[in-house]
C-alpha atoms as a PDB file:
ATOM      1  CA  MET A   1      99.182 -45.837  36.203  1.00  0.00           C
ATOM      2  CA  ALA A   2     100.942 -46.058  32.828  1.00  0.00           C
ATOM      3  CA  ILE A   3     103.832 -43.585  32.670  1.00  0.00           C
ATOM      4  CA  THR A   4     105.357 -42.956  29.237  1.00  0.00           C
ATOM      5  CA  ILE A   5     109.125 -42.412  29.346  1.00  0.00           C
ATOM      6  CA  LYS A   6     110.145 -40.410  26.302  1.00  0.00           C
ATOM      7  CA  ASN A   7     113.084 -41.394  24.099  1.00  0.00           C
ATOM      8  CA  GLU A   8     115.402 -38.971  22.308  1.00  0.00           C
ATOM      9  CA  ASP A   9     113.186 -38.796  19.212  1.00  0.00           C
ATOM     10  CA  ASP A  10     110.121 -38.092  21.353  1.00  0.00           C
ATOM     11  CA  ILE A  11     111.970 -35.376  23.232  1.00  0.00           C
ATOM     12  CA  ALA A  12     113.216 -33.698  20.048  1.00  0.00           C
ATOM     13  CA  LYS A  13     109.687 -33.558  18.637  1.00  0.00           C
ATOM     14  CA  MET A  14     108.267 -32.367  21.945  1.00  0.00           C
ATOM     15  CA  ARG A  15     110.773 -29.509  21.965  1.00  0.00           C
ATOM     16  CA  VAL A  16     109.429 -28.352  18.615  1.00  0.00           C
ATOM     17  CA  ALA A  17     105.748 -28.647  19.573  1.00  0.00           C
ATOM     18  CA  CYS A  18     106.296 -26.898  22.896  1.00  0.00           C
ATOM     19  CA  ARG A  19     108.297 -24.045  21.373  1.00  0.00           C
ATOM     20  CA  LEU A  20     105.565 -23.520  18.789  1.00  0.00           C
ATOM     21  CA  ALA A  21     102.890 -23.402  21.508  1.00  0.00           C
ATOM     22  CA  SER A  22     104.885 -20.727  23.302  1.00  0.00           C
ATOM     23  CA  GLU A  23     105.346 -18.761  20.082  1.00  0.00           C
ATOM     24  CA  VAL A  24     101.560 -18.501  19.709  1.00  0.00           C
ATOM     25  CA  LEU A  25     101.559 -16.640  23.031  1.00  0.00           C
ATOM     26  CA  ASP A  26     104.374 -14.402  21.793  1.00  0.00           C
ATOM     27  CA  TYR A  27     102.316 -13.624  18.696  1.00  0.00           C
ATOM     28  CA  ILE A  28      99.075 -12.806  20.528  1.00  0.00           C
ATOM     29  CA  THR A  29     100.641 -10.595  23.210  1.00  0.00           C
ATOM     30  CA  PRO A  30     100.303  -7.209  21.420  1.00  0.00           C
ATOM     31  CA  PHE A  31      96.643  -7.913  20.636  1.00  0.00           C
ATOM     32  CA  VAL A  32      95.637  -8.354  24.292  1.00  0.00           C
ATOM     33  CA  LYS A  33      94.279  -4.910  25.081  1.00  0.00           C
ATOM     34  CA  PRO A  34      91.002  -3.261  26.031  1.00  0.00           C
ATOM     35  CA  GLY A  35      88.328  -3.396  23.332  1.00  0.00           C
ATOM     36  CA  VAL A  36      89.218  -6.737  21.759  1.00  0.00           C
ATOM     37  CA  THR A  37      86.870  -9.697  22.156  1.00  0.00           C
ATOM     38  CA  THR A  38      88.070 -13.060  23.365  1.00  0.00           C
ATOM     39  CA  ALA A  39      86.679 -14.552  20.133  1.00  0.00           C
ATOM     40  CA  GLU A  40      88.959 -12.266  18.122  1.00  0.00           C
ATOM     41  CA  LEU A  41      91.969 -13.326  20.190  1.00  0.00           C
ATOM     42  CA  ASP A  42      91.020 -16.949  19.560  1.00  0.00           C
ATOM     43  CA  ARG A  43      90.617 -16.323  15.816  1.00  0.00           C
ATOM     44  CA  LEU A  44      94.035 -14.701  15.614  1.00  0.00           C
ATOM     45  CA  CYS A  45      95.668 -17.581  17.477  1.00  0.00           C
ATOM     46  CA  HIS A  46      93.835 -20.161  15.367  1.00  0.00           C
ATOM     47  CA  ASN A  47      94.883 -18.541  12.097  1.00  0.00           C
ATOM     48  CA  TYR A  48      98.486 -18.237  13.278  1.00  0.00           C
ATOM     49  CA  MET A  49      98.583 -21.936  14.151  1.00  0.00           C
ATOM     50  CA  LEU A  50      97.128 -23.035  10.819  1.00  0.00           C
ATOM     51  CA  ASP A  51      98.601 -20.514   8.387  1.00  0.00           C
ATOM     52  CA  VAL A  52     101.995 -19.657   9.895  1.00  0.00           C
ATOM     53  CA  GLN A  53     103.016 -22.666  11.969  1.00  0.00           C
ATOM     54  CA  GLY A  54     101.225 -25.544  10.310  1.00  0.00           C
ATOM     55  CA  THR A  55     100.087 -26.765  13.725  1.00  0.00           C
ATOM     56  CA  ILE A  56      96.725 -28.123  14.844  1.00  0.00           C
ATOM     57  CA  PRO A  57      94.885 -26.504  17.798  1.00  0.00           C
ATOM     58  CA  ALA A  58      94.416 -29.421  20.179  1.00  0.00           C
ATOM     59  CA  PRO A  59      91.423 -28.028  22.127  1.00  0.00           C
ATOM     60  CA  LEU A  60      89.189 -27.643  19.052  1.00  0.00           C
ATOM     61  CA  ASN A  61      86.538 -30.392  19.186  1.00  0.00           C
ATOM     62  CA  TYR A  62      88.371 -32.068  22.078  1.00  0.00           C
ATOM     63  CA  GLN A  63      85.820 -34.238  23.876  1.00  0.00           C
ATOM     64  CA  PRO A  64      86.756 -36.153  27.023  1.00  0.00           C
ATOM     65  CA  PRO A  65      84.117 -38.553  28.367  1.00  0.00           C
ATOM     66  CA  GLY A  66      81.073 -36.746  29.736  1.00  0.00           C
ATOM     67  CA  TYR A  67      81.840 -33.416  28.063  1.00  0.00           C
ATOM     68  CA  PRO A  68      80.522 -31.758  24.901  1.00  0.00           C
ATOM     69  CA  PRO A  69      83.125 -31.059  22.194  1.00  0.00           C
ATOM     70  CA  TYR A  70      85.192 -27.983  23.063  1.00  0.00           C
ATOM     71  CA  PRO A  71      84.250 -25.386  20.417  1.00  0.00           C
ATOM     72  CA  LYS A  72      87.341 -23.175  20.106  1.00  0.00           C
ATOM     73  CA  ALA A  73      91.075 -23.325  19.384  1.00  0.00           C
ATOM     74  CA  THR A  74      92.164 -21.799  22.711  1.00  0.00           C
ATOM     75  CA  CYS A  75      90.998 -21.420  26.290  1.00  0.00           C
ATOM     76  CA  ILE A  76      90.761 -17.797  27.442  1.00  0.00           C
ATOM     77  CA  SER A  77      89.853 -17.366  31.099  1.00  0.00           C
ATOM     78  CA  VAL A  78      89.069 -13.856  32.334  1.00  0.00           C
ATOM     79  CA  ASN A  79      89.056 -12.598  35.957  1.00  0.00           C
ATOM     80  CA  ASP A  80      87.060 -15.100  38.063  1.00  0.00           C
ATOM     81  CA  VAL A  81      87.240 -17.820  35.405  1.00  0.00           C
ATOM     82  CA  ILE A  82      89.713 -20.405  36.659  1.00  0.00           C
ATOM     83  CA  CYS A  83      90.128 -22.439  33.480  1.00  0.00           C
ATOM     84  CA  HIS A  84      88.538 -23.577  30.198  1.00  0.00           C
ATOM     85  CA  GLY A  85      86.998 -20.207  29.401  1.00  0.00           C
ATOM     86  CA  ILE A  86      85.375 -20.450  25.964  1.00  0.00           C
ATOM     87  CA  PRO A  87      86.233 -17.461  23.742  1.00  0.00           C
ATOM     88  CA  GLY A  88      83.177 -15.479  22.684  1.00  0.00           C
ATOM     89  CA  ASP A  89      81.764 -11.984  22.356  1.00  0.00           C
ATOM     90  CA  LYS A  90      83.081 -10.817  25.733  1.00  0.00           C
ATOM     91  CA  VAL A  91      84.895  -7.496  25.282  1.00  0.00           C
ATOM     92  CA  VAL A  92      88.135  -7.199  27.221  1.00  0.00           C
ATOM     93  CA  LYS A  93      88.093  -4.207  29.564  1.00  0.00           C
ATOM     94  CA  SER A  94      90.955  -2.238  31.057  1.00  0.00           C
ATOM     95  CA  GLY A  95      92.128  -4.041  34.165  1.00  0.00           C
ATOM     96  CA  ASP A  96      90.934  -7.497  33.110  1.00  0.00           C
ATOM     97  CA  ALA A  97      93.223 -10.402  33.991  1.00  0.00           C
ATOM     98  CA  LEU A  98      93.321 -13.056  31.265  1.00  0.00           C
ATOM     99  CA  ASN A  99      94.862 -16.485  31.021  1.00  0.00           C
ATOM    100  CA  ILE A 100      95.413 -17.693  27.467  1.00  0.00           C
ATOM    101  CA  ASP A 101      96.026 -21.441  27.270  1.00  0.00           C
ATOM    102  CA  ILE A 102      97.534 -22.846  24.080  1.00  0.00           C
ATOM    103  CA  THR A 103      97.994 -26.462  23.064  1.00  0.00           C
ATOM    104  CA  VAL A 104      99.229 -27.285  19.569  1.00  0.00           C
ATOM    105  CA  ILE A 105      99.849 -30.573  17.786  1.00  0.00           C
ATOM    106  CA  LYS A 106     102.915 -30.823  15.545  1.00  0.00           C
ATOM    107  CA  ASP A 107     103.978 -34.095  13.908  1.00  0.00           C
ATOM    108  CA  GLY A 108     101.734 -35.999  16.307  1.00  0.00           C
ATOM    109  CA  TYR A 109     103.132 -34.413  19.502  1.00  0.00           C
ATOM    110  CA  PHE A 110     101.379 -31.988  21.855  1.00  0.00           C
ATOM    111  CA  GLY A 111     102.863 -28.761  23.237  1.00  0.00           C
ATOM    112  CA  ASP A 112     100.951 -27.098  26.096  1.00  0.00           C
ATOM    113  CA  THR A 113     101.500 -23.753  27.828  1.00  0.00           C
ATOM    114  CA  SER A 114      99.657 -20.724  29.187  1.00  0.00           C
ATOM    115  CA  ARG A 115     100.397 -17.193  30.359  1.00  0.00           C
ATOM    116  CA  MET A 116      98.637 -14.445  32.255  1.00  0.00           C
ATOM    117  CA  PHE A 117      97.942 -11.075  30.647  1.00  0.00           C
ATOM    118  CA  ILE A 118      96.665  -7.852  32.214  1.00  0.00           C
ATOM    119  CA  ALA A 119      94.748  -5.583  29.822  1.00  0.00           C
ATOM    120  CA  GLY A 120      95.665  -1.970  30.443  1.00  0.00           C
ATOM    121  CA  GLU A 121      96.877  -0.999  33.899  1.00  0.00           C
ATOM    122  CA  GLY A 122      95.291  -3.678  36.062  1.00  0.00           C
ATOM    123  CA  SER A 123      94.742  -3.565  39.793  1.00  0.00           C
ATOM    124  CA  ILE A 124      97.464  -4.193  42.336  1.00  0.00           C
ATOM    125  CA  LEU A 125      95.511  -7.284  43.406  1.00  0.00           C
ATOM    126  CA  ALA A 126      95.429  -8.725  39.877  1.00  0.00           C
ATOM    127  CA  ARG A 127      99.107  -8.052  39.266  1.00  0.00           C
ATOM    128  CA  ARG A 128     100.139  -9.479  42.626  1.00  0.00           C
ATOM    129  CA  LEU A 129      98.038 -12.609  42.099  1.00  0.00           C
ATOM    130  CA  ALA A 130      99.471 -13.144  38.610  1.00  0.00           C
ATOM    131  CA  GLN A 131     103.037 -12.665  39.882  1.00  0.00           C
ATOM    132  CA  THR A 132     102.568 -14.952  42.870  1.00  0.00           C
ATOM    133  CA  THR A 133     101.049 -17.647  40.657  1.00  0.00           C
ATOM    134  CA  TYR A 134     104.053 -17.378  38.325  1.00  0.00           C
ATOM    135  CA  GLU A 135     106.323 -17.807  41.328  1.00  0.00           C
ATOM    136  CA  CYS A 136     104.275 -20.816  42.448  1.00  0.00           C
ATOM    137  CA  MET A 137     104.711 -22.490  39.072  1.00  0.00           C
ATOM    138  CA  TRP A 138     108.441 -21.926  39.103  1.00  0.00           C
ATOM    139  CA  LEU A 139     108.875 -23.082  42.684  1.00  0.00           C
ATOM    140  CA  GLY A 140     107.160 -26.292  41.588  1.00  0.00           C
ATOM    141  CA  ILE A 141     109.405 -26.604  38.535  1.00  0.00           C
ATOM    142  CA  GLU A 142     112.485 -26.188  40.733  1.00  0.00           C
ATOM    143  CA  GLN A 143     111.597 -29.435  42.532  1.00  0.00           C
ATOM    144  CA  VAL A 144     111.840 -31.498  39.339  1.00  0.00           C
ATOM    145  CA  ARG A 145     114.724 -33.968  39.214  1.00  0.00           C
ATOM    146  CA  PRO A 146     115.128 -37.753  39.092  1.00  0.00           C
ATOM    147  CA  GLY A 147     114.310 -39.225  42.493  1.00  0.00           C
ATOM    148  CA  ALA A 148     112.090 -36.337  43.587  1.00  0.00           C
ATOM    149  CA  HIS A 149     108.418 -37.005  44.230  1.00  0.00           C
ATOM    150  CA  LEU A 150     105.242 -35.475  42.858  1.00  0.00           C
ATOM    151  CA  GLY A 151     104.353 -34.348  46.369  1.00  0.00           C
ATOM    152  CA  ASP A 152     107.479 -32.172  46.403  1.00  0.00           C
ATOM    153  CA  ILE A 153     106.101 -30.178  43.469  1.00  0.00           C
ATOM    154  CA  GLY A 154     102.653 -29.768  44.990  1.00  0.00           C
ATOM    155  CA  HIS A 155     104.020 -28.832  48.394  1.00  0.00           C
ATOM    156  CA  ALA A 156     106.258 -26.066  47.024  1.00  0.00           C
ATOM    157  CA  ILE A 157     103.332 -24.559  45.118  1.00  0.00           C
ATOM    158  CA  GLN A 158     100.837 -24.835  47.967  1.00  0.00           C
ATOM    159  CA  ARG A 159     103.214 -23.443  50.579  1.00  0.00           C
ATOM    160  CA  HIS A 160     103.959 -20.284  48.600  1.00  0.00           C
ATOM    161  CA  ALA A 161     100.348 -19.702  47.546  1.00  0.00           C
ATOM    162  CA  GLU A 162      98.945 -20.074  51.040  1.00  0.00           C
ATOM    163  CA  ALA A 163     101.747 -18.038  52.628  1.00  0.00           C
ATOM    164  CA  SER A 164     100.730 -15.254  50.238  1.00  0.00           C
ATOM    165  CA  GLY A 165      97.104 -15.427  51.401  1.00  0.00           C
ATOM    166  CA  TYR A 166      95.785 -17.314  48.372  1.00  0.00           C
ATOM    167  CA  SER A 167      94.255 -20.753  47.797  1.00  0.00           C
ATOM    168  CA  VAL A 168      95.084 -23.625  45.429  1.00  0.00           C
ATOM    169  CA  VAL A 169      92.405 -25.140  43.195  1.00  0.00           C
ATOM    170  CA  ARG A 170      92.228 -28.887  43.866  1.00  0.00           C
ATOM    171  CA  GLU A 171      89.965 -30.126  41.075  1.00  0.00           C
ATOM    172  CA  TYR A 172      92.365 -29.490  38.178  1.00  0.00           C
ATOM    173  CA  CYS A 173      96.010 -30.412  37.836  1.00  0.00           C
ATOM    174  CA  GLY A 174      98.984 -30.804  35.539  1.00  0.00           C
ATOM    175  CA  HIS A 175      99.444 -33.958  33.503  1.00  0.00           C
ATOM    176  CA  GLY A 176     101.783 -36.083  31.476  1.00  0.00           C
ATOM    177  CA  ILE A 177     101.893 -35.162  27.802  1.00  0.00           C
ATOM    178  CA  GLY A 178     103.444 -36.427  24.582  1.00  0.00           C
ATOM    179  CA  LYS A 179     101.653 -38.167  21.731  1.00  0.00           C
ATOM    180  CA  VAL A 180      98.532 -37.902  23.894  1.00  0.00           C
ATOM    181  CA  PHE A 181      97.095 -34.615  25.231  1.00  0.00           C
ATOM    182  CA  HIS A 182      96.553 -35.900  28.787  1.00  0.00           C
ATOM    183  CA  GLU A 183      98.666 -38.805  30.064  1.00  0.00           C
ATOM    184  CA  ASP A 184      99.626 -40.087  33.478  1.00  0.00           C
ATOM    185  CA  PRO A 185     100.788 -38.912  35.914  1.00  0.00           C
ATOM    186  CA  GLN A 186      98.528 -36.239  37.334  1.00  0.00           C
ATOM    187  CA  ILE A 187     100.564 -33.359  38.772  1.00  0.00           C
ATOM    188  CA  LEU A 188      98.713 -32.035  41.811  1.00  0.00           C
ATOM    189  CA  HIS A 189      99.462 -28.466  42.853  1.00  0.00           C
ATOM    190  CA  TYR A 190      99.229 -29.274  46.555  1.00  0.00           C
ATOM    191  CA  GLY A 191     100.636 -32.076  48.654  1.00  0.00           C
ATOM    192  CA  ARG A 192     103.220 -33.300  51.114  1.00  0.00           C
ATOM    193  CA  PRO A 193     106.944 -33.580  50.359  1.00  0.00           C
ATOM    194  CA  GLY A 194     108.312 -37.068  49.829  1.00  0.00           C
ATOM    195  CA  THR A 195     104.944 -38.497  48.773  1.00  0.00           C
ATOM    196  CA  GLY A 196     103.599 -39.629  45.426  1.00  0.00           C
ATOM    197  CA  LEU A 197     105.259 -41.023  42.343  1.00  0.00           C
ATOM    198  CA  GLU A 198     109.046 -40.829  42.060  1.00  0.00           C
ATOM    199  CA  LEU A 199     110.212 -38.827  39.046  1.00  0.00           C
ATOM    200  CA  GLN A 200     112.310 -40.495  36.356  1.00  0.00           C
ATOM    201  CA  LYS A 201     114.490 -39.151  33.558  1.00  0.00           C
ATOM    202  CA  GLY A 202     112.463 -38.883  30.347  1.00  0.00           C
ATOM    203  CA  MET A 203     109.136 -38.012  31.928  1.00  0.00           C
ATOM    204  CA  ILE A 204     107.397 -34.982  30.397  1.00  0.00           C
ATOM    205  CA  PHE A 205     104.499 -33.259  32.120  1.00  0.00           C
ATOM    206  CA  THR A 206     102.844 -29.902  32.674  1.00  0.00           C
ATOM    207  CA  ILE A 207     102.930 -27.818  35.839  1.00  0.00           C
ATOM    208  CA  GLU A 208      99.987 -25.400  35.722  1.00  0.00           C
ATOM    209  CA  PRO A 209      98.828 -24.124  39.128  1.00  0.00           C
ATOM    210  CA  MET A 210      95.463 -22.398  39.373  1.00  0.00           C
ATOM    211  CA  ILE A 211      95.558 -19.976  42.307  1.00  0.00           C
ATOM    212  CA  ASN A 212      92.559 -18.051  43.653  1.00  0.00           C
ATOM    213  CA  ALA A 213      92.642 -14.722  45.459  1.00  0.00           C
ATOM    214  CA  GLY A 214      89.768 -15.963  47.632  1.00  0.00           C
ATOM    215  CA  ARG A 215      88.633 -19.451  48.552  1.00  0.00           C
ATOM    216  CA  ARG A 216      89.522 -22.523  46.522  1.00  0.00           C
ATOM    217  CA  GLU A 217      85.968 -23.744  45.812  1.00  0.00           C
ATOM    218  CA  ILE A 218      84.817 -23.814  42.192  1.00  0.00           C
ATOM    219  CA  ARG A 219      81.587 -23.746  40.196  1.00  0.00           C
ATOM    220  CA  THR A 220      81.081 -25.079  36.681  1.00  0.00           C
ATOM    221  CA  MET A 221      78.950 -23.144  34.204  1.00  0.00           C
ATOM    222  CA  PRO A 222      76.082 -24.671  32.167  1.00  0.00           C
ATOM    223  CA  ASP A 223      78.354 -24.965  29.089  1.00  0.00           C
ATOM    224  CA  GLN A 224      80.087 -27.753  31.097  1.00  0.00           C
ATOM    225  CA  TRP A 225      83.532 -26.289  30.353  1.00  0.00           C
ATOM    226  CA  THR A 226      83.877 -22.861  31.971  1.00  0.00           C
ATOM    227  CA  VAL A 227      85.009 -23.121  35.599  1.00  0.00           C
ATOM    228  CA  LYS A 228      84.757 -20.108  37.925  1.00  0.00           C
ATOM    229  CA  THR A 229      85.628 -19.325  41.511  1.00  0.00           C
ATOM    230  CA  LYS A 230      82.607 -19.973  43.703  1.00  0.00           C
ATOM    231  CA  ASP A 231      83.125 -16.729  45.634  1.00  0.00           C
ATOM    232  CA  ARG A 232      83.742 -14.742  42.405  1.00  0.00           C
ATOM    233  CA  SER A 233      87.288 -13.879  43.437  1.00  0.00           C
ATOM    234  CA  LEU A 234      90.055 -13.464  40.867  1.00  0.00           C
ATOM    235  CA  SER A 235      91.975 -16.508  39.695  1.00  0.00           C
ATOM    236  CA  ALA A 236      95.307 -16.843  37.898  1.00  0.00           C
ATOM    237  CA  GLN A 237      97.208 -19.621  36.143  1.00  0.00           C
ATOM    238  CA  TRP A 238     100.522 -20.165  34.391  1.00  0.00           C
ATOM    239  CA  GLU A 239     101.670 -23.326  32.651  1.00  0.00           C
ATOM    240  CA  HIS A 240     104.904 -24.824  31.378  1.00  0.00           C
ATOM    241  CA  THR A 241     105.688 -28.248  29.961  1.00  0.00           C
ATOM    242  CA  VAL A 242     108.728 -29.734  31.694  1.00  0.00           C
ATOM    243  CA  LEU A 243     111.165 -32.572  30.903  1.00  0.00           C
ATOM    244  CA  VAL A 244     112.917 -34.533  33.654  1.00  0.00           C
ATOM    245  CA  THR A 245     116.627 -34.627  32.707  1.00  0.00           C
ATOM    246  CA  ASP A 246     119.650 -36.501  34.137  1.00  0.00           C
ATOM    247  CA  THR A 247     120.173 -33.950  36.882  1.00  0.00           C
ATOM    248  CA  GLY A 248     117.079 -31.766  36.985  1.00  0.00           C
ATOM    249  CA  TYR A 249     114.646 -30.325  34.486  1.00  0.00           C
ATOM    250  CA  ASP A 250     114.330 -28.588  31.150  1.00  0.00           C
ATOM    251  CA  VAL A 251     111.408 -26.266  30.440  1.00  0.00           C
ATOM    252  CA  LEU A 252     110.287 -27.049  26.890  1.00  0.00           C
ATOM    253  CA  THR A 253     107.687 -24.289  26.401  1.00  0.00           C
ATOM    254  CA  VAL A 254     110.221 -21.512  25.909  1.00  0.00           C
ATOM    255  CA  SER A 255     110.372 -18.923  23.136  1.00  0.00           C
ATOM    256  CA  ALA A 256     111.643 -15.392  22.595  1.00  0.00           C
ATOM    257  CA  GLY A 257     108.788 -13.824  24.562  1.00  0.00           C
ATOM    258  CA  THR A 258     108.758 -16.202  27.525  1.00  0.00           C
ATOM    259  CA  PRO A 259     108.971 -14.249  30.808  1.00  0.00           C
ATOM    260  CA  ALA A 260     112.156 -14.739  32.816  1.00  0.00           C
ATOM    261  CA  LYS A 261     112.313 -17.041  35.799  1.00  0.00           C
ATOM    262  CA  PRO A 262     111.280 -15.032  38.899  1.00  0.00           C
ATOM    263  CA  SER A 263     113.955 -14.166  41.439  1.00  0.00           C
ATOM    264  CA  ILE A 264     112.231 -16.186  44.169  1.00  0.00           C
ATOM    265  CA  ALA A 265     112.778 -19.359  42.124  1.00  0.00           C
ATOM    266  CA  VAL A 266     116.362 -18.452  41.232  1.00  0.00           C
ATOM    267  CA  ALA A 267     117.113 -18.169  44.956  1.00  0.00           C
ATOM    268  CA  ALA A 268     115.220 -21.353  45.887  1.00  0.00           C
END
C-alpha cells in the first residue's frame, strides 16, 4: 500500500480544488426540484465547472480497468441507486432523494464531495435516512486524528447506521485523493476499532458512507456503472474530503452552502 503524505503545497492546492467542488453543489442546489431531468442538472454543473470555475470534471471519460468510460460530468443517484448514477432523461419527481457527487480537477489536484437532496417535500423515511447518513459521515470524520486507525472510522459509521435500523454498503468505500482521483488507503465504512492502518498527519482521503434503508446487498446495472440496492430500498450517501492535521482533522470540501455539522457529531 503506497500512502501519499501531502506537503504544504499539496494541501494548499487541495483546499482550492475541494472548495471548488463544494461550490458546484452550492450552485446546483436551487435547480434540484421536481420536473428537472438529471441530464439537465449534469449540464448545469458541467457548464459551471468549465465556464465559471475553470475546473475539469473528473468523472467525464474516467475509465478504471474493466469499465467503459464514464459518460457524464457528475454522478446523480436517485432513490434506490446507491452510487454512480448516470445522468439522463429521468425526470425528478416530488419526493425523490438524490445524491449529487462532484469531483473537479484544478491545477492537477482533485476535489471530491457529495450531498443529498430531497426534491419537494420528501417522505419521512427519505429525510430520516439522509439525516442519519449525514450523521454517520460526521461520526466517522470525528475519529480522524494522528494515531487513530481506519477501523475507528468504519466502526463509528457502522455502529450508528445499524443502531438506526439501516445497513452499510460494503462494496464501495472512501479513498485517498490528491494528484490522483483514487489513491490508497481505502476507507471502509464498517470495521472494528483499533484495526487497520494508523493515520498520519498529511494524509488526505474521502469519507463517503453509502447507507441503505433495507439490506446492504447491491446489484449492478447493464451499463456497468449504476449500482442499486438489491431489495430496491432507498439509499443515501454524503461525502467529504478530509485532511489529517497535527491534532485532528480539517474538512476541505467546505463552502458557503455546506450544511452544518450535526449535533450528534458535535456531542461525540
